[in-house]
């Protein structure tokens, strides 16, 4: 917040998400978001032969 940039964190745990929100994080993923991001990253790496 001090830099004018929203802080973010990708976590699968509800408890840890609550803790990060209390710390002031503004961009928080939930388990489904994290799973979708992970799957898309794997697909992209495969498409580029990695």
PDB file of N, CA and C in Angstrom:
ATOM      1  N   UNK A   1       0.819  -1.199   0.000  1.00  0.00           N
ATOM      2  CA  UNK A   1       0.000   0.000   0.000  1.00  0.00           C
ATOM      3  C   UNK A   1       0.861   1.259   0.000  1.00  0.00           C
ATOM      4  N   UNK A   2       1.964   1.207   0.704  1.00  0.00           N
ATOM      5  CA  UNK A   2       2.832   2.382   0.802  1.00  0.00           C
ATOM      6  C   UNK A   2       3.358   2.825  -0.558  1.00  0.00           C
ATOM      7  N   UNK A   3       3.500   1.882  -1.477  1.00  0.00           N
ATOM      8  CA  UNK A   3       4.006   2.198  -2.816  1.00  0.00           C
ATOM      9  C   UNK A   3       2.897   2.470  -3.819  1.00  0.00           C
ATOM     10  N   UNK A   4       1.639   2.355  -3.371  1.00  0.00           N
ATOM     11  CA  UNK A   4       0.514   2.573  -4.265  1.00  0.00           C
ATOM     12  C   UNK A   4       0.240   1.406  -5.193  1.00  0.00           C
ATOM     13  N   UNK A   5       0.769   0.245  -4.840  1.00  0.00           N
ATOM     14  CA  UNK A   5       0.600  -0.959  -5.653  1.00  0.00           C
ATOM     15  C   UNK A   5      -0.083  -2.019  -4.800  1.00  0.00           C
ATOM     16  N   UNK A   6      -1.165  -2.623  -5.306  1.00  0.00           N
ATOM     17  CA  UNK A   6      -1.820  -3.655  -4.503  1.00  0.00           C
ATOM     18  C   UNK A   6      -0.921  -4.877  -4.339  1.00  0.00           C
ATOM     19  N   UNK A   7      -0.782  -5.321  -3.109  1.00  0.00           N
ATOM     20  CA  UNK A   7      -0.003  -6.522  -2.832  1.00  0.00           C
ATOM     21  C   UNK A   7      -0.846  -7.757  -3.090  1.00  0.00           C
ATOM     22  N   UNK A   8      -0.205  -8.816  -3.547  1.00  0.00           N
ATOM     23  CA  UNK A   8      -0.948 -10.030  -3.844  1.00  0.00           C
ATOM     24  C   UNK A   8      -0.243 -11.275  -3.364  1.00  0.00           C
ATOM     25  N   UNK A   9      -1.018 -12.344  -3.248  1.00  0.00           N
ATOM     26  CA  UNK A   9      -0.486 -13.605  -2.752  1.00  0.00           C
ATOM     27  C   UNK A   9      -1.357 -14.731  -3.262  1.00  0.00           C
ATOM     28  N   UNK A  10      -0.758 -15.790  -3.747  1.00  0.00           N
ATOM     29  CA  UNK A  10      -1.509 -16.953  -4.217  1.00  0.00           C
ATOM     30  C   UNK A  10      -1.370 -18.076  -3.196  1.00  0.00           C
ATOM     31  N   UNK A  11      -2.473 -18.408  -2.546  1.00  0.00           N
ATOM     32  CA  UNK A  11      -2.466 -19.406  -1.475  1.00  0.00           C
ATOM     33  C   UNK A  11      -3.683 -20.304  -1.629  1.00  0.00           C
ATOM     34  N   UNK A  12      -3.547 -21.549  -1.262  1.00  0.00           N
ATOM     35  CA  UNK A  12      -4.671 -22.466  -1.302  1.00  0.00           C
ATOM     36  C   UNK A  12      -5.409 -22.588   0.017  1.00  0.00           C
ATOM     37  N   UNK A  13      -4.861 -22.048   1.096  1.00  0.00           N
ATOM     38  CA  UNK A  13      -5.427 -22.206   2.428  1.00  0.00           C
ATOM     39  C   UNK A  13      -6.332 -21.028   2.802  1.00  0.00           C
ATOM     40  N   UNK A  14      -7.538 -21.321   3.230  1.00  0.00           N
ATOM     41  CA  UNK A  14      -8.469 -20.272   3.650  1.00  0.00           C
ATOM     42  C   UNK A  14      -7.920 -19.521   4.856  1.00  0.00           C
ATOM     43  N   UNK A  15      -7.366 -20.249   5.816  1.00  0.00           N
ATOM     44  CA  UNK A  15      -6.837 -19.612   7.022  1.00  0.00           C
ATOM     45  C   UNK A  15      -5.701 -18.652   6.688  1.00  0.00           C
ATOM     46  N   UNK A  16      -4.803 -19.085   5.808  1.00  0.00           N
ATOM     47  CA  UNK A  16      -3.686 -18.219   5.430  1.00  0.00           C
ATOM     48  C   UNK A  16      -4.172 -17.024   4.615  1.00  0.00           C
ATOM     49  N   UNK A  17      -5.201 -17.221   3.790  1.00  0.00           N
ATOM     50  CA  UNK A  17      -5.795 -16.098   3.055  1.00  0.00           C
ATOM     51  C   UNK A  17      -6.330 -15.054   4.024  1.00  0.00           C
ATOM     52  N   UNK A  18      -7.046 -15.494   5.051  1.00  0.00           N
ATOM     53  CA  UNK A  18      -7.583 -14.552   6.046  1.00  0.00           C
ATOM     54  C   UNK A  18      -6.452 -13.775   6.705  1.00  0.00           C
ATOM     55  N   UNK A  19      -5.378 -14.468   7.043  1.00  0.00           N
ATOM     56  CA  UNK A  19      -4.225 -13.834   7.671  1.00  0.00           C
ATOM     57  C   UNK A  19      -3.607 -12.786   6.751  1.00  0.00           C
ATOM     58  N   UNK A  20      -3.437 -13.124   5.469  1.00  0.00           N
ATOM     59  CA  UNK A  20      -2.851 -12.177   4.519  1.00  0.00           C
ATOM     60  C   UNK A  20      -3.754 -10.956   4.316  1.00  0.00           C
ATOM     61  N   UNK A  21      -5.067 -11.154   4.302  1.00  0.00           N
ATOM     62  CA  UNK A  21      -5.999 -10.025   4.190  1.00  0.00           C
ATOM     63  C   UNK A  21      -5.835  -9.104   5.392  1.00  0.00           C
ATOM     64  N   UNK A  22      -5.699  -9.683   6.591  1.00  0.00           N
ATOM     65  CA  UNK A  22      -5.478  -8.878   7.796  1.00  0.00           C
ATOM     66  C   UNK A  22      -4.172  -8.092   7.704  1.00  0.00           C
ATOM     67  N   UNK A  23      -3.195  -8.634   6.982  1.00  0.00           N
ATOM     68  CA  UNK A  23      -1.918  -7.947   6.800  1.00  0.00           C
ATOM     69  C   UNK A  23      -2.015  -6.823   5.768  1.00  0.00           C
ATOM     70  N   UNK A  24      -3.132  -6.759   5.035  1.00  0.00           N
ATOM     71  CA  UNK A  24      -3.313  -5.685   4.067  1.00  0.00           C
ATOM     72  C   UNK A  24      -3.197  -6.105   2.609  1.00  0.00           C
ATOM     73  N   UNK A  25      -2.980  -7.398   2.367  1.00  0.00           N
ATOM     74  CA  UNK A  25      -2.927  -7.852   0.977  1.00  0.00           C
ATOM     75  C   UNK A  25      -4.287  -7.628   0.331  1.00  0.00           C
ATOM     76  N   UNK A  26      -4.279  -7.212  -0.942  1.00  0.00           N
ATOM     77  CA  UNK A  26      -5.526  -6.890  -1.632  1.00  0.00           C
ATOM     78  C   UNK A  26      -5.857  -7.854  -2.757  1.00  0.00           C
ATOM     79  N   UNK A  27      -4.882  -8.565  -3.263  1.00  0.00           N
ATOM     80  CA  UNK A  27      -5.105  -9.519  -4.350  1.00  0.00           C
ATOM     81  C   UNK A  27      -4.838 -10.900  -3.779  1.00  0.00           C
ATOM     82  N   UNK A  28      -5.895 -11.641  -3.515  1.00  0.00           N
ATOM     83  CA  UNK A  28      -5.791 -12.952  -2.883  1.00  0.00           C
ATOM     84  C   UNK A  28      -6.490 -13.976  -3.768  1.00  0.00           C
ATOM     85  N   UNK A  29      -5.817 -15.090  -4.026  1.00  0.00           N
ATOM     86  CA  UNK A  29      -6.465 -16.160  -4.779  1.00  0.00           C
ATOM     87  C   UNK A  29      -7.047 -17.179  -3.809  1.00  0.00           C
ATOM     88  N   UNK A  30      -7.980 -17.939  -4.299  1.00  0.00           N
ATOM     89  CA  UNK A  30      -8.487 -19.061  -3.516  1.00  0.00           C
ATOM     90  C   UNK A  30      -8.044 -20.341  -4.207  1.00  0.00           C
ATOM     91  N   UNK A  31      -8.291 -21.470  -3.594  1.00  0.00           N
ATOM     92  CA  UNK A  31      -7.808 -22.744  -4.112  1.00  0.00           C
ATOM     93  C   UNK A  31      -8.124 -22.985  -5.573  1.00  0.00           C
ATOM     94  N   UNK A  32      -9.336 -22.695  -5.995  1.00  0.00           N
ATOM     95  CA  UNK A  32      -9.733 -22.925  -7.388  1.00  0.00           C
ATOM     96  C   UNK A  32      -8.922 -22.032  -8.322  1.00  0.00           C
ATOM     97  N   UNK A  33      -8.739 -20.775  -7.945  1.00  0.00           N
ATOM     98  CA  UNK A  33      -7.929 -19.865  -8.764  1.00  0.00           C
ATOM     99  C   UNK A  33      -6.521 -20.415  -8.930  1.00  0.00           C
ATOM    100  N   UNK A  34      -5.939 -20.857  -7.830  1.00  0.00           N
ATOM    101  CA  UNK A  34      -4.575 -21.364  -7.862  1.00  0.00           C
ATOM    102  C   UNK A  34      -4.479 -22.601  -8.743  1.00  0.00           C
ATOM    103  N   UNK A  35      -5.458 -23.480  -8.653  1.00  0.00           N
ATOM    104  CA  UNK A  35      -5.468 -24.688  -9.486  1.00  0.00           C
ATOM    105  C   UNK A  35      -5.576 -24.326 -10.968  1.00  0.00           C
ATOM    106  N   UNK A  36      -6.430 -23.355 -11.293  1.00  0.00           N
ATOM    107  CA  UNK A  36      -6.584 -22.948 -12.693  1.00  0.00           C
ATOM    108  C   UNK A  36      -5.306 -22.296 -13.218  1.00  0.00           C
ATOM    109  N   UNK A  37      -4.675 -21.447 -12.419  1.00  0.00           N
ATOM    110  CA  UNK A  37      -3.422 -20.812 -12.826  1.00  0.00           C
ATOM    111  C   UNK A  37      -2.332 -21.858 -13.052  1.00  0.00           C
ATOM    112  N   UNK A  38      -2.260 -22.832 -12.153  1.00  0.00           N
ATOM    113  CA  UNK A  38      -1.262 -23.890 -12.271  1.00  0.00           C
ATOM    114  C   UNK A  38      -1.482 -24.710 -13.531  1.00  0.00           C
ATOM    115  N   UNK A  39      -2.729 -25.081 -13.797  1.00  0.00           N
ATOM    116  CA  UNK A  39      -3.044 -25.874 -14.987  1.00  0.00           C
ATOM    117  C   UNK A  39      -2.696 -25.115 -16.265  1.00  0.00           C
ATOM    118  N   UNK A  40      -3.046 -23.847 -16.318  1.00  0.00           N
ATOM    119  CA  UNK A  40      -2.755 -23.048 -17.516  1.00  0.00           C
ATOM    120  C   UNK A  40      -1.246 -22.888 -17.709  1.00  0.00           C
ATOM    121  N   UNK A  41      -0.518 -22.727 -16.617  1.00  0.00           N
ATOM    122  CA  UNK A  41       0.939 -22.625 -16.715  1.00  0.00           C
ATOM    123  C   UNK A  41       1.528 -23.911 -17.283  1.00  0.00           C
ATOM    124  N   UNK A  42       1.026 -25.060 -16.823  1.00  0.00           N
ATOM    125  CA  UNK A  42       1.498 -26.348 -17.346  1.00  0.00           C
ATOM    126  C   UNK A  42       1.189 -26.474 -18.838  1.00  0.00           C
ATOM    127  N   UNK A  43      -0.019 -26.080 -19.244  1.00  0.00           N
ATOM    128  CA  UNK A  43      -0.402 -26.140 -20.660  1.00  0.00           C
ATOM    129  C   UNK A  43       0.503 -25.250 -21.510  1.00  0.00           C
ATOM    130  N   UNK A  44       0.790 -24.068 -21.015  1.00  0.00           N
ATOM    131  CA  UNK A  44       1.635 -23.129 -21.752  1.00  0.00           C
ATOM    132  C   UNK A  44       3.054 -23.667 -21.889  1.00  0.00           C
ATOM    133  N   UNK A  45       3.603 -24.201 -20.805  1.00  0.00           N
ATOM    134  CA  UNK A  45       4.951 -24.770 -20.867  1.00  0.00           C
ATOM    135  C   UNK A  45       5.012 -25.945 -21.839  1.00  0.00           C
ATOM    136  N   UNK A  46       3.985 -26.791 -21.819  1.00  0.00           N
ATOM    137  CA  UNK A  46       3.930 -27.928 -22.743  1.00  0.00           C
ATOM    138  C   UNK A  46       3.873 -27.446 -24.187  1.00  0.00           C
ATOM    139  N   UNK A  47       3.076 -26.421 -24.440  1.00  0.00           N
ATOM    140  CA  UNK A  47       2.944 -25.887 -25.800  1.00  0.00           C
ATOM    141  C   UNK A  47       4.271 -25.349 -26.328  1.00  0.00           C
ATOM    142  N   UNK A  48       5.129 -24.875 -25.424  1.00  0.00           N
ATOM    143  CA  UNK A  48       6.427 -24.349 -25.831  1.00  0.00           C
ATOM    144  C   UNK A  48       7.550 -25.363 -25.653  1.00  0.00           C
ATOM    145  N   UNK A  49       7.165 -26.641 -25.459  1.00  0.00           N
ATOM    146  CA  UNK A  49       8.153 -27.708 -25.384  1.00  0.00           C
ATOM    147  C   UNK A  49       8.998 -27.724 -24.134  1.00  0.00           C
ATOM    148  N   UNK A  50       8.444 -27.276 -23.059  1.00  0.00           N
ATOM    149  CA  UNK A  50       9.199 -27.257 -21.797  1.00  0.00           C
ATOM    150  C   UNK A  50       8.608 -28.189 -20.787  1.00  0.00           C
TER     151      UNK A  50
END
